[in-house]
PDB file of N, CA and C in Angstrom:
ATOM      1  N   MET A   1       6.818 -58.179 -48.094  1.00  0.00           N
ATOM      2  CA  MET A   1       7.526 -57.740 -46.887  1.00  0.00           C
ATOM      3  C   MET A   1       9.001 -58.009 -47.022  1.00  0.00           C
ATOM      4  N   LEU A   2       9.233 -59.061 -47.816  1.00  0.00           N
ATOM      5  CA  LEU A   2      10.676 -59.219 -47.901  1.00  0.00           C
ATOM      6  C   LEU A   2      11.248 -58.347 -49.194  1.00  0.00           C
ATOM      7  N   ASP A   3      10.560 -57.976 -49.800  1.00  0.00           N
ATOM      8  CA  ASP A   3      10.987 -56.881 -50.742  1.00  0.00           C
ATOM      9  C   ASP A   3      10.987 -55.374 -50.565  1.00  0.00           C
ATOM     10  N   ILE A   4      10.617 -55.060 -49.116  1.00  0.00           N
ATOM     11  CA  ILE A   4      10.554 -53.595 -48.813  1.00  0.00           C
ATOM     12  C   ILE A   4      11.418 -52.959 -49.222  1.00  0.00           C
ATOM     13  N   ALA A   5      12.650 -53.009 -48.915  1.00  0.00           N
ATOM     14  CA  ALA A   5      13.664 -52.147 -49.471  1.00  0.00           C
ATOM     15  C   ALA A   5      13.588 -51.702 -50.697  1.00  0.00           C
ATOM     16  N   GLY A   6      13.349 -52.874 -51.526  1.00  0.00           N
ATOM     17  CA  GLY A   6      13.428 -52.698 -52.731  1.00  0.00           C
ATOM     18  C   GLY A   6      12.017 -51.645 -53.574  1.00  0.00           C
ATOM     19  N   ILE A   7      10.934 -51.892 -52.587  1.00  0.00           N
ATOM     20  CA  ILE A   7       9.795 -51.105 -52.994  1.00  0.00           C
ATOM     21  C   ILE A   7       9.914 -49.759 -52.452  1.00  0.00           C
ATOM     22  N   PHE A   8      10.628 -49.423 -51.507  1.00  0.00           N
ATOM     23  CA  PHE A   8      10.537 -48.175 -51.119  1.00  0.00           C
ATOM     24  C   PHE A   8      12.048 -47.293 -51.442  1.00  0.00           C
ATOM     25  N   ASP A   9      12.671 -48.097 -52.091  1.00  0.00           N
ATOM     26  CA  ASP A   9      14.287 -47.554 -52.484  1.00  0.00           C
ATOM     27  C   ASP A   9      15.059 -46.848 -51.705  1.00  0.00           C
ATOM     28  N   GLN A  10      15.026 -45.642 -51.606  1.00  0.00           N
ATOM     29  CA  GLN A  10      15.889 -44.891 -50.887  1.00  0.00           C
ATOM     30  C   GLN A  10      14.950 -44.185 -49.559  1.00  0.00           C
ATOM     31  N   ALA A  11      13.650 -44.661 -49.235  1.00  0.00           N
ATOM     32  CA  ALA A  11      12.924 -44.191 -48.495  1.00  0.00           C
ATOM     33  C   ALA A  11      13.498 -44.657 -46.940  1.00  0.00           C
ATOM     34  N   LYS A  12      13.280 -43.520 -45.964  1.00  0.00           N
ATOM     35  CA  LYS A  12      13.606 -43.786 -44.645  1.00  0.00           C
ATOM     36  C   LYS A  12      12.545 -43.494 -43.630  1.00  0.00           C
ATOM     37  N   PHE A  13      11.916 -44.473 -42.971  1.00  0.00           N
ATOM     38  CA  PHE A  13      10.984 -44.361 -42.062  1.00  0.00           C
ATOM     39  C   PHE A  13      11.332 -44.116 -40.898  1.00  0.00           C
ATOM     40  N   THR A  14      10.333 -43.469 -39.542  1.00  0.00           N
ATOM     41  CA  THR A  14      10.598 -43.332 -38.361  1.00  0.00           C
ATOM     42  C   THR A  14      10.119 -44.535 -37.673  1.00  0.00           C
ATOM     43  N   GLY A  15       9.069 -44.973 -38.415  1.00  0.00           N
ATOM     44  CA  GLY A  15       8.144 -46.110 -37.469  1.00  0.00           C
ATOM     45  C   GLY A  15       7.984 -47.129 -38.754  1.00  0.00           C
ATOM     46  N   VAL A  16       7.960 -48.492 -38.036  1.00  0.00           N
ATOM     47  CA  VAL A  16       7.526 -49.884 -38.702  1.00  0.00           C
ATOM     48  C   VAL A  16       6.627 -50.240 -38.082  1.00  0.00           C
ATOM     49  N   LEU A  17       5.235 -50.778 -38.263  1.00  0.00           N
ATOM     50  CA  LEU A  17       4.637 -51.747 -37.929  1.00  0.00           C
ATOM     51  C   LEU A  17       4.545 -52.986 -38.180  1.00  0.00           C
ATOM     52  N   CYS A  18       5.008 -53.878 -37.934  1.00  0.00           N
ATOM     53  CA  CYS A  18       5.411 -55.359 -38.439  1.00  0.00           C
ATOM     54  C   CYS A  18       4.191 -56.232 -37.419  1.00  0.00           C
ATOM     55  N   ASN A  19       2.781 -56.276 -37.883  1.00  0.00           N
ATOM     56  CA  ASN A  19       1.911 -57.088 -37.075  1.00  0.00           C
ATOM     57  C   ASN A  19       1.140 -58.340 -38.011  1.00  0.00           C
ATOM     58  N   GLY A  20       1.317 -59.545 -37.478  1.00  0.00           N
ATOM     59  CA  GLY A  20       0.790 -60.486 -38.221  1.00  0.00           C
ATOM     60  C   GLY A  20       1.309 -61.220 -39.527  1.00  0.00           C
ATOM     61  N   ILE A  21       2.780 -60.764 -39.486  1.00  0.00           N
ATOM     62  CA  ILE A  21       3.277 -61.395 -40.378  1.00  0.00           C
ATOM     63  C   ILE A  21       3.757 -62.646 -40.521  1.00  0.00           C
ATOM     64  N   PHE A  22       4.547 -62.711 -39.258  1.00  0.00           N
ATOM     65  CA  PHE A  22       5.486 -63.818 -38.764  1.00  0.00           C
ATOM     66  C   PHE A  22       4.831 -64.771 -38.300  1.00  0.00           C
ATOM     67  N   GLY A  23       4.692 -65.863 -39.375  1.00  0.00           N
ATOM     68  CA  GLY A  23       3.654 -67.152 -39.117  1.00  0.00           C
ATOM     69  C   GLY A  23       2.343 -67.078 -39.977  1.00  0.00           C
ATOM     70  N   PHE A  24       2.451 -66.067 -40.652  1.00  0.00           N
ATOM     71  CA  PHE A  24       1.302 -65.715 -41.589  1.00  0.00           C
ATOM     72  C   PHE A  24       1.890 -65.370 -43.167  1.00  0.00           C
ATOM     73  N   GLY A  25       2.841 -66.274 -43.513  1.00  0.00           N
ATOM     74  CA  GLY A  25       3.433 -65.700 -44.524  1.00  0.00           C
ATOM     75  C   GLY A  25       5.007 -65.540 -44.914  1.00  0.00           C
ATOM     76  N   VAL A  26       5.424 -65.011 -43.616  1.00  0.00           N
ATOM     77  CA  VAL A  26       7.017 -65.148 -43.220  1.00  0.00           C
ATOM     78  C   VAL A  26       6.875 -66.022 -42.129  1.00  0.00           C
ATOM     79  N   ASP A  27       7.275 -67.357 -42.874  1.00  0.00           N
ATOM     80  CA  ASP A  27       7.394 -68.339 -41.944  1.00  0.00           C
ATOM     81  C   ASP A  27       8.709 -69.133 -41.949  1.00  0.00           C
ATOM     82  N   GLY A  28       9.500 -69.178 -40.406  1.00  0.00           N
ATOM     83  CA  GLY A  28      10.419 -69.815 -40.221  1.00  0.00           C
ATOM     84  C   GLY A  28      11.486 -69.345 -40.043  1.00  0.00           C
ATOM     85  N   PRO A  29      12.722 -69.585 -39.270  1.00  0.00           N
ATOM     86  CA  PRO A  29      13.703 -68.715 -39.102  1.00  0.00           C
ATOM     87  C   PRO A  29      14.247 -67.878 -40.434  1.00  0.00           C
ATOM     88  N   GLN A  30      14.707 -68.441 -41.379  1.00  0.00           N
ATOM     89  CA  GLN A  30      15.397 -67.606 -42.461  1.00  0.00           C
ATOM     90  C   GLN A  30      14.383 -66.373 -42.838  1.00  0.00           C
ATOM     91  N   ALA A  31      13.206 -66.950 -43.265  1.00  0.00           N
ATOM     92  CA  ALA A  31      12.362 -65.878 -43.668  1.00  0.00           C
ATOM     93  C   ALA A  31      12.084 -64.484 -42.772  1.00  0.00           C
ATOM     94  N   GLN A  32      12.234 -65.020 -41.274  1.00  0.00           N
ATOM     95  CA  GLN A  32      12.110 -64.026 -40.188  1.00  0.00           C
ATOM     96  C   GLN A  32      13.727 -63.146 -40.463  1.00  0.00           C
ATOM     97  N   SER A  33      14.552 -63.723 -40.596  1.00  0.00           N
ATOM     98  CA  SER A  33      15.905 -62.942 -40.541  1.00  0.00           C
ATOM     99  C   SER A  33      15.882 -62.235 -41.890  1.00  0.00           C
ATOM    100  N   ASP A  34      15.170 -62.517 -42.989  1.00  0.00           N
ATOM    101  CA  ASP A  34      15.069 -61.852 -44.122  1.00  0.00           C
ATOM    102  C   ASP A  34      14.383 -60.654 -44.125  1.00  0.00           C
ATOM    103  N   ALA A  35      13.316 -60.775 -43.315  1.00  0.00           N
ATOM    104  CA  ALA A  35      12.379 -59.558 -43.137  1.00  0.00           C
ATOM    105  C   ALA A  35      12.967 -58.671 -42.196  1.00  0.00           C
ATOM    106  N   ILE A  36      13.600 -59.106 -41.437  1.00  0.00           N
ATOM    107  CA  ILE A  36      14.224 -58.125 -39.989  1.00  0.00           C
ATOM    108  C   ILE A  36      15.221 -57.186 -40.366  1.00  0.00           C
ATOM    109  N   THR A  37      16.155 -57.963 -41.728  1.00  0.00           N
ATOM    110  CA  THR A  37      17.072 -57.218 -42.355  1.00  0.00           C
ATOM    111  C   THR A  37      16.422 -56.070 -43.455  1.00  0.00           C
ATOM    112  N   ALA A  38      15.335 -56.839 -44.231  1.00  0.00           N
ATOM    113  CA  ALA A  38      14.685 -55.731 -44.985  1.00  0.00           C
ATOM    114  C   ALA A  38      13.987 -54.569 -44.235  1.00  0.00           C
ATOM    115  N   ILE A  39      13.560 -54.571 -43.029  1.00  0.00           N
ATOM    116  CA  ILE A  39      12.913 -53.567 -42.322  1.00  0.00           C
ATOM    117  C   ILE A  39      13.899 -52.510 -41.818  1.00  0.00           C
ATOM    118  N   ALA A  40      15.157 -53.316 -41.377  1.00  0.00           N
ATOM    119  CA  ALA A  40      16.041 -52.373 -41.120  1.00  0.00           C
ATOM    120  C   ALA A  40      16.638 -51.522 -42.276  1.00  0.00           C
ATOM    121  N   HIS A  41      16.711 -51.907 -43.454  1.00  0.00           N
ATOM    122  CA  HIS A  41      17.291 -51.067 -44.664  1.00  0.00           C
ATOM    123  C   HIS A  41      16.323 -49.833 -44.924  1.00  0.00           C
ATOM    124  N   VAL A  42      14.863 -50.044 -44.334  1.00  0.00           N
ATOM    125  CA  VAL A  42      14.016 -48.761 -44.700  1.00  0.00           C
ATOM    126  C   VAL A  42      13.634 -48.124 -43.325  1.00  0.00           C
ATOM    127  N   LEU A  43      14.406 -48.615 -42.245  1.00  0.00           N
ATOM    128  CA  LEU A  43      14.100 -47.761 -41.123  1.00  0.00           C
ATOM    129  C   LEU A  43      15.037 -46.572 -40.745  1.00  0.00           C
ATOM    130  N   ALA A  44      15.048 -45.620 -40.361  1.00  0.00           N
ATOM    131  CA  ALA A  44      16.103 -44.699 -40.027  1.00  0.00           C
ATOM    132  C   ALA A  44      16.739 -44.872 -38.800  1.00  0.00           C
ATOM    133  N   PRO A  45      17.809 -44.948 -38.455  1.00  0.00           N
ATOM    134  CA  PRO A  45      18.557 -44.740 -37.097  1.00  0.00           C
ATOM    135  C   PRO A  45      17.687 -44.239 -35.926  1.00  0.00           C
ATOM    136  N   GLY A  46      17.491 -44.723 -35.081  1.00  0.00           N
ATOM    137  CA  GLY A  46      16.587 -44.359 -33.929  1.00  0.00           C
ATOM    138  C   GLY A  46      15.342 -44.870 -34.037  1.00  0.00           C
ATOM    139  N   GLY A  47      14.589 -45.260 -35.489  1.00  0.00           N
ATOM    140  CA  GLY A  47      13.408 -45.103 -35.754  1.00  0.00           C
ATOM    141  C   GLY A  47      12.554 -46.496 -34.835  1.00  0.00           C
ATOM    142  N   TRP A  48      11.515 -46.599 -34.656  1.00  0.00           N
ATOM    143  CA  TRP A  48      10.832 -47.605 -33.920  1.00  0.00           C
ATOM    144  C   TRP A  48      10.157 -48.658 -34.878  1.00  0.00           C
ATOM    145  N   LEU A  49      10.377 -50.070 -33.958  1.00  0.00           N
ATOM    146  CA  LEU A  49       9.798 -51.319 -34.887  1.00  0.00           C
ATOM    147  C   LEU A  49       9.083 -51.782 -33.703  1.00  0.00           C
ATOM    148  N   LEU A  50       7.605 -51.790 -34.022  1.00  0.00           N
ATOM    149  CA  LEU A  50       6.857 -52.867 -33.443  1.00  0.00           C
ATOM    150  C   LEU A  50       6.556 -54.104 -34.219  1.00  0.00           C
ATOM    151  N   ILE A  51       6.896 -55.150 -33.478  1.00  0.00           N
ATOM    152  CA  ILE A  51       6.893 -56.592 -34.239  1.00  0.00           C
ATOM    153  C   ILE A  51       5.617 -57.187 -33.343  1.00  0.00           C
ATOM    154  N   GLY A  52       4.484 -57.456 -33.990  1.00  0.00           N
ATOM    155  CA  GLY A  52       3.309 -58.548 -33.382  1.00  0.00           C
ATOM    156  C   GLY A  52       3.383 -59.737 -34.065  1.00  0.00           C
ATOM    157  N   TRP A  53       3.395 -60.935 -33.293  1.00  0.00           N
ATOM    158  CA  TRP A  53       3.551 -61.874 -33.339  1.00  0.00           C
ATOM    159  C   TRP A  53       2.861 -62.866 -32.700  1.00  0.00           C
ATOM    160  N   ASN A  54       2.573 -64.355 -33.211  1.00  0.00           N
ATOM    161  CA  ASN A  54       2.000 -65.402 -32.226  1.00  0.00           C
ATOM    162  C   ASN A  54       2.976 -66.495 -31.905  1.00  0.00           C
ATOM    163  N   THR A  55       2.988 -66.702 -30.858  1.00  0.00           N
ATOM    164  CA  THR A  55       3.885 -67.989 -30.021  1.00  0.00           C
ATOM    165  C   THR A  55       4.019 -69.240 -30.640  1.00  0.00           C
ATOM    166  N   ASP A  56       2.459 -69.519 -30.985  1.00  0.00           N
ATOM    167  CA  ASP A  56       2.248 -70.565 -31.886  1.00  0.00           C
ATOM    168  C   ASP A  56       2.224 -70.662 -32.984  1.00  0.00           C
ATOM    169  N   ARG A  57       2.829 -69.668 -33.641  1.00  0.00           N
ATOM    170  CA  ARG A  57       2.690 -69.668 -35.467  1.00  0.00           C
ATOM    171  C   ARG A  57       4.158 -69.716 -35.759  1.00  0.00           C
ATOM    172  N   GLY A  58       5.029 -69.568 -34.789  1.00  0.00           N
ATOM    173  CA  GLY A  58       6.801 -69.705 -35.262  1.00  0.00           C
ATOM    174  C   GLY A  58       7.574 -69.307 -34.327  1.00  0.00           C
ATOM    175  N   PRO A  59       9.168 -69.518 -34.662  1.00  0.00           N
ATOM    176  CA  PRO A  59       9.664 -69.145 -33.283  1.00  0.00           C
ATOM    177  C   PRO A  59       9.849 -67.615 -33.058  1.00  0.00           C
ATOM    178  N   ASP A  60      10.338 -67.426 -31.909  1.00  0.00           N
ATOM    179  CA  ASP A  60      10.633 -65.919 -31.268  1.00  0.00           C
ATOM    180  C   ASP A  60      11.404 -65.056 -32.240  1.00  0.00           C
ATOM    181  N   PRO A  61      11.056 -64.306 -32.865  1.00  0.00           N
ATOM    182  CA  PRO A  61      11.805 -63.254 -33.779  1.00  0.00           C
ATOM    183  C   PRO A  61      12.981 -62.648 -32.939  1.00  0.00           C
ATOM    184  N   MET A  62      12.915 -62.290 -31.757  1.00  0.00           N
ATOM    185  CA  MET A  62      13.901 -61.681 -31.063  1.00  0.00           C
ATOM    186  C   MET A  62      14.936 -62.528 -30.610  1.00  0.00           C
ATOM    187  N   GLU A  63      14.905 -63.936 -31.284  1.00  0.00           N
ATOM    188  CA  GLU A  63      16.136 -64.748 -31.033  1.00  0.00           C
ATOM    189  C   GLU A  63      17.060 -64.578 -32.463  1.00  0.00           C
ATOM    190  N   ARG A  64      16.654 -64.020 -33.326  1.00  0.00           N
ATOM    191  CA  ARG A  64      17.294 -63.752 -34.763  1.00  0.00           C
ATOM    192  C   ARG A  64      18.649 -63.152 -34.171  1.00  0.00           C
ATOM    193  N   PRO A  65      19.791 -63.563 -34.837  1.00  0.00           N
ATOM    194  CA  PRO A  65      20.952 -62.626 -34.871  1.00  0.00           C
ATOM    195  C   PRO A  65      20.539 -61.287 -35.352  1.00  0.00           C
ATOM    196  N   GLU A  66      19.783 -61.115 -36.349  1.00  0.00           N
ATOM    197  CA  GLU A  66      19.594 -59.650 -37.064  1.00  0.00           C
ATOM    198  C   GLU A  66      18.961 -58.844 -36.378  1.00  0.00           C
ATOM    199  N   ILE A  67      18.285 -59.256 -35.067  1.00  0.00           N
ATOM    200  CA  ILE A  67      17.702 -58.361 -34.182  1.00  0.00           C
ATOM    201  C   ILE A  67      18.796 -57.369 -33.503  1.00  0.00           C
ATOM    202  N   ALA A  68      19.846 -58.464 -33.037  1.00  0.00           N
ATOM    203  CA  ALA A  68      20.713 -57.694 -31.930  1.00  0.00           C
ATOM    204  C   ALA A  68      21.769 -57.038 -33.079  1.00  0.00           C
ATOM    205  N   HIS A  69      21.902 -57.345 -34.259  1.00  0.00           N
ATOM    206  CA  HIS A  69      22.639 -56.639 -35.275  1.00  0.00           C
ATOM    207  C   HIS A  69      22.347 -55.228 -35.457  1.00  0.00           C
ATOM    208  N   TRP A  70      20.785 -55.012 -35.930  1.00  0.00           N
ATOM    209  CA  TRP A  70      19.828 -53.641 -36.140  1.00  0.00           C
ATOM    210  C   TRP A  70      19.370 -53.181 -35.314  1.00  0.00           C
ATOM    211  N   PHE A  71      18.849 -53.777 -34.222  1.00  0.00           N
ATOM    212  CA  PHE A  71      17.840 -53.115 -33.020  1.00  0.00           C
ATOM    213  C   PHE A  71      18.427 -53.220 -31.699  1.00  0.00           C
ATOM    214  N   ARG A  72      17.556 -52.571 -30.831  1.00  0.00           N
ATOM    215  CA  ARG A  72      17.976 -52.888 -29.407  1.00  0.00           C
ATOM    216  C   ARG A  72      16.163 -52.719 -28.872  1.00  0.00           C
ATOM    217  N   ARG A  73      15.966 -53.275 -27.938  1.00  0.00           N
ATOM    218  CA  ARG A  73      14.798 -53.446 -27.301  1.00  0.00           C
ATOM    219  C   ARG A  73      14.508 -51.913 -26.758  1.00  0.00           C
ATOM    220  N   ASP A  74      13.609 -51.296 -26.463  1.00  0.00           N
ATOM    221  CA  ASP A  74      13.244 -50.362 -25.850  1.00  0.00           C
ATOM    222  C   ASP A  74      11.896 -50.124 -25.282  1.00  0.00           C
ATOM    223  N   GLN A  75      11.626 -49.126 -24.685  1.00  0.00           N
ATOM    224  CA  GLN A  75      10.186 -49.131 -24.254  1.00  0.00           C
ATOM    225  C   GLN A  75       9.922 -47.374 -24.139  1.00  0.00           C
ATOM    226  N   VAL A  76       8.600 -47.227 -24.041  1.00  0.00           N
ATOM    227  CA  VAL A  76       8.114 -46.161 -24.113  1.00  0.00           C
ATOM    228  C   VAL A  76       7.289 -45.773 -22.820  1.00  0.00           C
ATOM    229  N   GLY A  77       7.919 -44.568 -22.042  1.00  0.00           N
ATOM    230  CA  GLY A  77       6.986 -44.644 -20.459  1.00  0.00           C
ATOM    231  C   GLY A  77       7.123 -45.778 -19.914  1.00  0.00           C
ATOM    232  N   ILE A  78       6.093 -46.169 -19.431  1.00  0.00           N
ATOM    233  CA  ILE A  78       5.788 -47.579 -18.766  1.00  0.00           C
ATOM    234  C   ILE A  78       5.638 -48.776 -19.580  1.00  0.00           C
ATOM    235  N   ILE A  79       5.297 -48.556 -20.906  1.00  0.00           N
ATOM    236  CA  ILE A  79       5.252 -49.462 -21.815  1.00  0.00           C
ATOM    237  C   ILE A  79       6.471 -50.567 -22.049  1.00  0.00           C
ATOM    238  N   PRO A  80       6.476 -51.665 -21.885  1.00  0.00           N
ATOM    239  CA  PRO A  80       7.678 -52.218 -21.390  1.00  0.00           C
ATOM    240  C   PRO A  80       7.879 -52.864 -23.105  1.00  0.00           C
ATOM    241  N   SER A  81       9.129 -53.175 -23.298  1.00  0.00           N
ATOM    242  CA  SER A  81       9.732 -53.488 -24.412  1.00  0.00           C
ATOM    243  C   SER A  81       9.083 -54.739 -25.124  1.00  0.00           C
ATOM    244  N   ARG A  82       8.479 -55.601 -24.278  1.00  0.00           N
ATOM    245  CA  ARG A  82       7.650 -57.004 -24.693  1.00  0.00           C
ATOM    246  C   ARG A  82       6.344 -56.783 -24.012  1.00  0.00           C
ATOM    247  N   GLN A  83       5.333 -56.924 -24.718  1.00  0.00           N
ATOM    248  CA  GLN A  83       3.969 -57.085 -24.082  1.00  0.00           C
ATOM    249  C   GLN A  83       2.953 -58.316 -24.568  1.00  0.00           C
ATOM    250  N   ARG A  84       2.578 -59.075 -23.749  1.00  0.00           N
ATOM    251  CA  ARG A  84       2.107 -60.211 -24.125  1.00  0.00           C
ATOM    252  C   ARG A  84       0.491 -59.889 -23.982  1.00  0.00           C
ATOM    253  N   VAL A  85      -0.459 -60.132 -24.864  1.00  0.00           N
ATOM    254  CA  VAL A  85      -1.902 -59.929 -25.110  1.00  0.00           C
ATOM    255  C   VAL A  85      -2.674 -60.760 -24.238  1.00  0.00           C
ATOM    256  N   ALA A  86      -2.837 -60.632 -23.178  1.00  0.00           N
ATOM    257  CA  ALA A  86      -3.680 -61.740 -22.314  1.00  0.00           C
ATOM    258  C   ALA A  86      -4.528 -62.405 -22.807  1.00  0.00           C
ATOM    259  N   GLY A  87      -4.743 -63.764 -22.656  1.00  0.00           N
ATOM    260  CA  GLY A  87      -5.787 -64.652 -23.097  1.00  0.00           C
ATOM    261  C   GLY A  87      -5.337 -65.294 -24.662  1.00  0.00           C
ATOM    262  N   THR A  88      -4.381 -64.792 -25.231  1.00  0.00           N
ATOM    263  CA  THR A  88      -4.163 -65.105 -26.615  1.00  0.00           C
ATOM    264  C   THR A  88      -2.511 -65.460 -26.292  1.00  0.00           C
ATOM    265  N   THR A  89      -1.985 -65.725 -27.882  1.00  0.00           N
ATOM    266  CA  THR A  89      -0.663 -66.158 -27.968  1.00  0.00           C
ATOM    267  C   THR A  89      -0.056 -65.199 -28.542  1.00  0.00           C
ATOM    268  N   HIS A  90      -0.375 -64.024 -28.510  1.00  0.00           N
ATOM    269  CA  HIS A  90      -0.209 -62.580 -29.505  1.00  0.00           C
ATOM    270  C   HIS A  90       0.992 -61.822 -28.467  1.00  0.00           C
ATOM    271  N   VAL A  91       2.008 -61.500 -29.061  1.00  0.00           N
ATOM    272  CA  VAL A  91       3.122 -60.591 -28.172  1.00  0.00           C
ATOM    273  C   VAL A  91       3.328 -59.476 -29.205  1.00  0.00           C
ATOM    274  N   TYR A  92       3.833 -58.613 -28.523  1.00  0.00           N
ATOM    275  CA  TYR A  92       4.192 -57.462 -29.395  1.00  0.00           C
ATOM    276  C   TYR A  92       5.601 -57.018 -28.763  1.00  0.00           C
ATOM    277  N   ASP A  93       6.674 -56.874 -29.690  1.00  0.00           N
ATOM    278  CA  ASP A  93       7.932 -56.407 -29.237  1.00  0.00           C
ATOM    279  C   ASP A  93       8.087 -55.157 -29.719  1.00  0.00           C
ATOM    280  N   LEU A  94       8.500 -54.277 -28.733  1.00  0.00           N
ATOM    281  CA  LEU A  94       9.392 -52.950 -29.162  1.00  0.00           C
ATOM    282  C   LEU A  94      10.800 -52.496 -29.408  1.00  0.00           C
ATOM    283  N   LEU A  95      10.921 -52.053 -30.320  1.00  0.00           N
ATOM    284  CA  LEU A  95      12.588 -52.032 -30.771  1.00  0.00           C
ATOM    285  C   LEU A  95      13.000 -50.828 -31.410  1.00  0.00           C
ATOM    286  N   ARG A  96      13.991 -50.238 -31.205  1.00  0.00           N
ATOM    287  CA  ARG A  96      14.631 -48.907 -31.872  1.00  0.00           C
ATOM    288  C   ARG A  96      15.549 -49.474 -32.953  1.00  0.00           C
ATOM    289  N   ARG A  97      15.893 -48.848 -33.837  1.00  0.00           N
ATOM    290  CA  ARG A  97      17.077 -49.212 -35.137  1.00  0.00           C
ATOM    291  C   ARG A  97      18.389 -48.331 -34.344  1.00  0.00           C
ATOM    292  N   LEU A  98      19.410 -49.243 -34.504  1.00  0.00           N
ATOM    293  CA  LEU A  98      20.610 -48.835 -33.945  1.00  0.00           C
ATOM    294  C   LEU A  98      21.492 -47.879 -35.018  1.00  0.00           C
ATOM    295  N   PRO A  99      22.330 -46.885 -34.490  1.00  0.00           N
ATOM    296  CA  PRO A  99      22.693 -45.928 -35.454  1.00  0.00           C
ATOM    297  C   PRO A  99      23.441 -47.180 -36.454  1.00  0.00           C
ATOM    298  N   GLU A 100      23.915 -46.522 -37.542  1.00  0.00           N
ATOM    299  CA  GLU A 100      24.726 -47.140 -38.700  1.00  0.00           C
ATOM    300  C   GLU A 100      26.211 -47.140 -38.614  1.00  0.00           C
TER     301      GLU A 100
END
């Protein structure tokens, strides 16, 4: 995950699903920051990022300064920008890549 920009080199995606990474290999605030920046480099401006993470496995990735630098929270129709999965610690956050 942290090398995604190097793996895909010049590719730009319109959507990235990042689910089950934070707290399961990408642990701690600095690793989260590095992953968010790496995703931003492969996501086209206006592209969607859906992050799935667990509240009991690490800090809230939405509190990382890289989120505000590269992304804004967004929603699709009535689907909110943050959705908690009932009965679990799992959370989904929906974001749009800001223009460069």
